[in-house]
């Protein structure tokens, strides 16, 4: 999934759902999340991105190729 495709509200919510249920995130999705942190997002979207990044740091979500 491209970083630009993640910018819609629905795409962020869908990604959050998929990742929290599967426990896996692709490297491309991870880079997209990191770039989203630098862009202007609604507070709810920013919270969802921050939760996913926190889950990665804690080891709850694995990054796969």
PDB file of N, CA and C in Angstrom:
ATOM      1  N   UNK A   1       0.854  -1.172   0.000  1.00  0.00           N
ATOM      2  CA  UNK A   1       0.000   0.000   0.000  1.00  0.00           C
ATOM      3  C   UNK A   1       0.896   1.230   0.000  1.00  0.00           C
ATOM      4  N   UNK A   2       0.629   2.148  -0.886  1.00  0.00           N
ATOM      5  CA  UNK A   2       1.433   3.353  -1.009  1.00  0.00           C
ATOM      6  C   UNK A   2       1.070   4.353   0.079  1.00  0.00           C
ATOM      7  N   UNK A   3       2.021   5.224   0.411  1.00  0.00           N
ATOM      8  CA  UNK A   3       1.779   6.226   1.442  1.00  0.00           C
ATOM      9  C   UNK A   3       0.655   7.172   1.029  1.00  0.00           C
ATOM     10  N   UNK A   4       0.582   7.501  -0.246  1.00  0.00           N
ATOM     11  CA  UNK A   4      -0.469   8.403  -0.697  1.00  0.00           C
ATOM     12  C   UNK A   4      -1.843   7.769  -0.561  1.00  0.00           C
ATOM     13  N   UNK A   5      -1.908   6.467  -0.736  1.00  0.00           N
ATOM     14  CA  UNK A   5      -3.197   5.781  -0.625  1.00  0.00           C
ATOM     15  C   UNK A   5      -3.674   5.736   0.820  1.00  0.00           C
ATOM     16  N   UNK A   6      -2.781   5.911   1.768  1.00  0.00           N
ATOM     17  CA  UNK A   6      -3.147   5.853   3.180  1.00  0.00           C
ATOM     18  C   UNK A   6      -3.769   7.144   3.684  1.00  0.00           C
ATOM     19  N   UNK A   7      -3.774   8.188   2.894  1.00  0.00           N
ATOM     20  CA  UNK A   7      -4.190   9.477   3.404  1.00  0.00           C
ATOM     21  C   UNK A   7      -5.689   9.616   3.605  1.00  0.00           C
ATOM     22  N   UNK A   8      -6.492   8.790   3.000  1.00  0.00           N
ATOM     23  CA  UNK A   8      -7.921   8.916   3.233  1.00  0.00           C
ATOM     24  C   UNK A   8      -8.265   8.362   4.611  1.00  0.00           C
ATOM     25  N   UNK A   9      -9.281   8.931   5.224  1.00  0.00           N
ATOM     26  CA  UNK A   9      -9.683   8.524   6.563  1.00  0.00           C
ATOM     27  C   UNK A   9     -10.037   7.037   6.603  1.00  0.00           C
ATOM     28  N   UNK A  10     -10.760   6.579   5.613  1.00  0.00           N
ATOM     29  CA  UNK A  10     -11.195   5.190   5.578  1.00  0.00           C
ATOM     30  C   UNK A  10     -10.001   4.241   5.436  1.00  0.00           C
ATOM     31  N   UNK A  11      -9.010   4.634   4.652  1.00  0.00           N
ATOM     32  CA  UNK A  11      -7.839   3.783   4.447  1.00  0.00           C
ATOM     33  C   UNK A  11      -7.054   3.616   5.747  1.00  0.00           C
ATOM     34  N   UNK A  12      -6.934   4.666   6.521  1.00  0.00           N
ATOM     35  CA  UNK A  12      -6.208   4.582   7.790  1.00  0.00           C
ATOM     36  C   UNK A  12      -6.969   3.678   8.759  1.00  0.00           C
ATOM     37  N   UNK A  13      -8.278   3.840   8.829  1.00  0.00           N
ATOM     38  CA  UNK A  13      -9.082   2.994   9.707  1.00  0.00           C
ATOM     39  C   UNK A  13      -9.025   1.535   9.276  1.00  0.00           C
ATOM     40  N   UNK A  14      -9.078   1.283   7.976  1.00  0.00           N
ATOM     41  CA  UNK A  14      -9.011  -0.087   7.461  1.00  0.00           C
ATOM     42  C   UNK A  14      -7.651  -0.711   7.747  1.00  0.00           C
ATOM     43  N   UNK A  15      -6.577   0.045   7.548  1.00  0.00           N
ATOM     44  CA  UNK A  15      -5.239  -0.456   7.843  1.00  0.00           C
ATOM     45  C   UNK A  15      -5.101  -0.760   9.329  1.00  0.00           C
ATOM     46  N   UNK A  16      -5.604   0.122  10.182  1.00  0.00           N
ATOM     47  CA  UNK A  16      -5.537  -0.093  11.621  1.00  0.00           C
ATOM     48  C   UNK A  16      -6.242  -1.396  11.996  1.00  0.00           C
ATOM     49  N   UNK A  17      -7.413  -1.616  11.429  1.00  0.00           N
ATOM     50  CA  UNK A  17      -8.174  -2.833  11.696  1.00  0.00           C
ATOM     51  C   UNK A  17      -7.400  -4.080  11.246  1.00  0.00           C
ATOM     52  N   UNK A  18      -6.898  -4.053  10.022  1.00  0.00           N
ATOM     53  CA  UNK A  18      -6.184  -5.210   9.482  1.00  0.00           C
ATOM     54  C   UNK A  18      -4.937  -5.540  10.298  1.00  0.00           C
ATOM     55  N   UNK A  19      -4.179  -4.519  10.628  1.00  0.00           N
ATOM     56  CA  UNK A  19      -2.919  -4.742  11.338  1.00  0.00           C
ATOM     57  C   UNK A  19      -3.159  -5.215  12.765  1.00  0.00           C
ATOM     58  N   UNK A  20      -4.136  -4.631  13.455  1.00  0.00           N
ATOM     59  CA  UNK A  20      -4.374  -5.046  14.835  1.00  0.00           C
ATOM     60  C   UNK A  20      -4.915  -6.464  14.908  1.00  0.00           C
ATOM     61  N   UNK A  21      -5.624  -6.914  13.893  1.00  0.00           N
ATOM     62  CA  UNK A  21      -6.146  -8.273  13.912  1.00  0.00           C
ATOM     63  C   UNK A  21      -5.145  -9.297  13.402  1.00  0.00           C
ATOM     64  N   UNK A  22      -4.284  -8.917  12.474  1.00  0.00           N
ATOM     65  CA  UNK A  22      -3.323  -9.878  11.927  1.00  0.00           C
ATOM     66  C   UNK A  22      -1.990  -9.851  12.677  1.00  0.00           C
ATOM     67  N   UNK A  23      -1.629  -8.698  13.226  1.00  0.00           N
ATOM     68  CA  UNK A  23      -0.349  -8.573  13.912  1.00  0.00           C
ATOM     69  C   UNK A  23       0.823  -8.415  12.961  1.00  0.00           C
ATOM     70  N   UNK A  24       0.541  -8.194  11.687  1.00  0.00           N
ATOM     71  CA  UNK A  24       1.586  -8.036  10.678  1.00  0.00           C
ATOM     72  C   UNK A  24       1.392  -6.747   9.903  1.00  0.00           C
ATOM     73  N   UNK A  25       2.510  -6.150   9.534  1.00  0.00           N
ATOM     74  CA  UNK A  25       2.520  -4.926   8.757  1.00  0.00           C
ATOM     75  C   UNK A  25       3.645  -5.053   7.739  1.00  0.00           C
ATOM     76  N   UNK A  26       3.382  -4.699   6.494  1.00  0.00           N
ATOM     77  CA  UNK A  26       4.456  -4.771   5.506  1.00  0.00           C
ATOM     78  C   UNK A  26       5.402  -3.594   5.695  1.00  0.00           C
ATOM     79  N   UNK A  27       6.593  -3.748   5.174  1.00  0.00           N
ATOM     80  CA  UNK A  27       7.587  -2.685   5.287  1.00  0.00           C
ATOM     81  C   UNK A  27       7.109  -1.417   4.565  1.00  0.00           C
ATOM     82  N   UNK A  28       6.439  -1.586   3.441  1.00  0.00           N
ATOM     83  CA  UNK A  28       5.905  -0.443   2.696  1.00  0.00           C
ATOM     84  C   UNK A  28       4.852   0.293   3.515  1.00  0.00           C
ATOM     85  N   UNK A  29       3.979  -0.448   4.168  1.00  0.00           N
ATOM     86  CA  UNK A  29       2.961   0.172   5.016  1.00  0.00           C
ATOM     87  C   UNK A  29       3.606   0.903   6.184  1.00  0.00           C
ATOM     88  N   UNK A  30       4.659   0.325   6.734  1.00  0.00           N
ATOM     89  CA  UNK A  30       5.359   0.955   7.847  1.00  0.00           C
ATOM     90  C   UNK A  30       5.961   2.295   7.436  1.00  0.00           C
ATOM     91  N   UNK A  31       6.598   2.330   6.275  1.00  0.00           N
ATOM     92  CA  UNK A  31       7.168   3.592   5.792  1.00  0.00           C
ATOM     93  C   UNK A  31       6.065   4.609   5.511  1.00  0.00           C
ATOM     94  N   UNK A  32       4.931   4.128   5.017  1.00  0.00           N
ATOM     95  CA  UNK A  32       3.795   5.017   4.790  1.00  0.00           C
ATOM     96  C   UNK A  32       3.284   5.628   6.079  1.00  0.00           C
ATOM     97  N   UNK A  33       3.232   4.827   7.140  1.00  0.00           N
ATOM     98  CA  UNK A  33       2.797   5.338   8.442  1.00  0.00           C
ATOM     99  C   UNK A  33       3.755   6.397   8.964  1.00  0.00           C
ATOM    100  N   UNK A  34       5.039   6.144   8.802  1.00  0.00           N
ATOM    101  CA  UNK A  34       6.022   7.105   9.282  1.00  0.00           C
ATOM    102  C   UNK A  34       5.913   8.432   8.539  1.00  0.00           C
ATOM    103  N   UNK A  35       5.653   8.365   7.240  1.00  0.00           N
ATOM    104  CA  UNK A  35       5.515   9.611   6.483  1.00  0.00           C
ATOM    105  C   UNK A  35       4.214  10.325   6.840  1.00  0.00           C
ATOM    106  N   UNK A  36       3.183   9.567   7.207  1.00  0.00           N
ATOM    107  CA  UNK A  36       1.918  10.197   7.608  1.00  0.00           C
ATOM    108  C   UNK A  36       2.070  11.001   8.888  1.00  0.00           C
ATOM    109  N   UNK A  37       2.980  10.606   9.728  1.00  0.00           N
ATOM    110  CA  UNK A  37       3.188  11.335  10.976  1.00  0.00           C
ATOM    111  C   UNK A  37       3.645  12.768  10.708  1.00  0.00           C
ATOM    112  N   UNK A  38       4.265  12.992   9.559  1.00  0.00           N
ATOM    113  CA  UNK A  38       4.759  14.316   9.212  1.00  0.00           C
ATOM    114  C   UNK A  38       3.704  15.168   8.510  1.00  0.00           C
ATOM    115  N   UNK A  39       2.598  14.549   8.082  1.00  0.00           N
ATOM    116  CA  UNK A  39       1.577  15.289   7.342  1.00  0.00           C
ATOM    117  C   UNK A  39       0.452  15.738   8.274  1.00  0.00           C
ATOM    118  N   UNK A  40      -0.399  16.598   7.751  1.00  0.00           N
ATOM    119  CA  UNK A  40      -1.535  17.110   8.520  1.00  0.00           C
ATOM    120  C   UNK A  40      -2.652  16.068   8.511  1.00  0.00           C
ATOM    121  N   UNK A  41      -2.981  15.552   9.683  1.00  0.00           N
ATOM    122  CA  UNK A  41      -4.042  14.563   9.829  1.00  0.00           C
ATOM    123  C   UNK A  41      -5.025  15.031  10.889  1.00  0.00           C
ATOM    124  N   UNK A  42      -6.229  14.502  10.797  1.00  0.00           N
ATOM    125  CA  UNK A  42      -7.196  14.727  11.867  1.00  0.00           C
ATOM    126  C   UNK A  42      -6.673  14.045  13.128  1.00  0.00           C
ATOM    127  N   UNK A  43      -7.078  14.507  14.267  1.00  0.00           N
ATOM    128  CA  UNK A  43      -6.571  13.968  15.532  1.00  0.00           C
ATOM    129  C   UNK A  43      -6.851  12.474  15.665  1.00  0.00           C
ATOM    130  N   UNK A  44      -8.022  12.011  15.253  1.00  0.00           N
ATOM    131  CA  UNK A  44      -8.344  10.585  15.338  1.00  0.00           C
ATOM    132  C   UNK A  44      -7.410   9.754  14.471  1.00  0.00           C
ATOM    133  N   UNK A  45      -7.112  10.248  13.269  1.00  0.00           N
ATOM    134  CA  UNK A  45      -6.206   9.531  12.373  1.00  0.00           C
ATOM    135  C   UNK A  45      -4.786   9.519  12.940  1.00  0.00           C
ATOM    136  N   UNK A  46      -4.366  10.650  13.480  1.00  0.00           N
ATOM    137  CA  UNK A  46      -3.030  10.730  14.080  1.00  0.00           C
ATOM    138  C   UNK A  46      -2.914   9.760  15.265  1.00  0.00           C
ATOM    139  N   UNK A  47      -3.973   9.654  16.066  1.00  0.00           N
ATOM    140  CA  UNK A  47      -3.973   8.715  17.191  1.00  0.00           C
ATOM    141  C   UNK A  47      -3.854   7.276  16.705  1.00  0.00           C
ATOM    142  N   UNK A  48      -4.572   6.929  15.639  1.00  0.00           N
ATOM    143  CA  UNK A  48      -4.515   5.569  15.092  1.00  0.00           C
ATOM    144  C   UNK A  48      -3.113   5.256  14.583  1.00  0.00           C
ATOM    145  N   UNK A  49      -2.496   6.189  13.875  1.00  0.00           N
ATOM    146  CA  UNK A  49      -1.131   5.991  13.366  1.00  0.00           C
ATOM    147  C   UNK A  49      -0.164   5.842  14.532  1.00  0.00           C
ATOM    148  N   UNK A  50      -0.303   6.681  15.551  1.00  0.00           N
ATOM    149  CA  UNK A  50       0.589   6.594  16.712  1.00  0.00           C
ATOM    150  C   UNK A  50       0.418   5.273  17.459  1.00  0.00           C
ATOM    151  N   UNK A  51      -0.806   4.767  17.542  1.00  0.00           N
ATOM    152  CA  UNK A  51      -1.034   3.470  18.191  1.00  0.00           C
ATOM    153  C   UNK A  51      -0.353   2.348  17.430  1.00  0.00           C
ATOM    154  N   UNK A  52      -0.428   2.397  16.099  1.00  0.00           N
ATOM    155  CA  UNK A  52       0.234   1.366  15.299  1.00  0.00           C
ATOM    156  C   UNK A  52       1.755   1.436  15.460  1.00  0.00           C
ATOM    157  N   UNK A  53       2.310   2.632  15.425  1.00  0.00           N
ATOM    158  CA  UNK A  53       3.754   2.772  15.604  1.00  0.00           C
ATOM    159  C   UNK A  53       4.187   2.314  16.997  1.00  0.00           C
ATOM    160  N   UNK A  54       3.382   2.591  18.002  1.00  0.00           N
ATOM    161  CA  UNK A  54       3.676   2.130  19.361  1.00  0.00           C
ATOM    162  C   UNK A  54       3.645   0.599  19.428  1.00  0.00           C
ATOM    163  N   UNK A  55       2.657  -0.003  18.774  1.00  0.00           N
ATOM    164  CA  UNK A  55       2.552  -1.468  18.764  1.00  0.00           C
ATOM    165  C   UNK A  55       3.760  -2.092  18.077  1.00  0.00           C
ATOM    166  N   UNK A  56       4.286  -1.438  17.065  1.00  0.00           N
ATOM    167  CA  UNK A  56       5.493  -1.934  16.393  1.00  0.00           C
ATOM    168  C   UNK A  56       6.675  -1.865  17.349  1.00  0.00           C
ATOM    169  N   UNK A  57       6.835  -0.735  18.022  1.00  0.00           N
ATOM    170  CA  UNK A  57       7.962  -0.583  18.958  1.00  0.00           C
ATOM    171  C   UNK A  57       7.890  -1.594  20.096  1.00  0.00           C
ATOM    172  N   UNK A  58       6.704  -1.900  20.571  1.00  0.00           N
ATOM    173  CA  UNK A  58       6.534  -2.842  21.678  1.00  0.00           C
ATOM    174  C   UNK A  58       6.661  -4.299  21.234  1.00  0.00           C
ATOM    175  N   UNK A  59       6.636  -4.544  19.921  1.00  0.00           N
ATOM    176  CA  UNK A  59       6.746  -5.910  19.425  1.00  0.00           C
ATOM    177  C   UNK A  59       5.409  -6.618  19.285  1.00  0.00           C
ATOM    178  N   UNK A  60       4.319  -5.905  19.427  1.00  0.00           N
ATOM    179  CA  UNK A  60       2.993  -6.499  19.301  1.00  0.00           C
ATOM    180  C   UNK A  60       2.619  -6.697  17.842  1.00  0.00           C
ATOM    181  N   UNK A  61       3.238  -5.903  16.973  1.00  0.00           N
ATOM    182  CA  UNK A  61       3.026  -6.001  15.533  1.00  0.00           C
ATOM    183  C   UNK A  61       4.370  -6.268  14.894  1.00  0.00           C
ATOM    184  N   UNK A  62       4.405  -7.258  14.005  1.00  0.00           N
ATOM    185  CA  UNK A  62       5.639  -7.585  13.303  1.00  0.00           C
ATOM    186  C   UNK A  62       5.647  -6.923  11.929  1.00  0.00           C
ATOM    187  N   UNK A  63       6.817  -6.481  11.500  1.00  0.00           N
ATOM    188  CA  UNK A  63       6.977  -5.933  10.159  1.00  0.00           C
ATOM    189  C   UNK A  63       7.518  -7.042   9.274  1.00  0.00           C
ATOM    190  N   UNK A  64       6.798  -7.323   8.197  1.00  0.00           N
ATOM    191  CA  UNK A  64       7.216  -8.365   7.259  1.00  0.00           C
ATOM    192  C   UNK A  64       7.545  -7.729   5.915  1.00  0.00           C
ATOM    193  N   UNK A  65       8.229  -8.496   5.087  1.00  0.00           N
ATOM    194  CA  UNK A  65       8.604  -7.989   3.757  1.00  0.00           C
ATOM    195  C   UNK A  65       7.539  -8.185   2.744  1.00  0.00           C
TER     196      UNK A  65
END
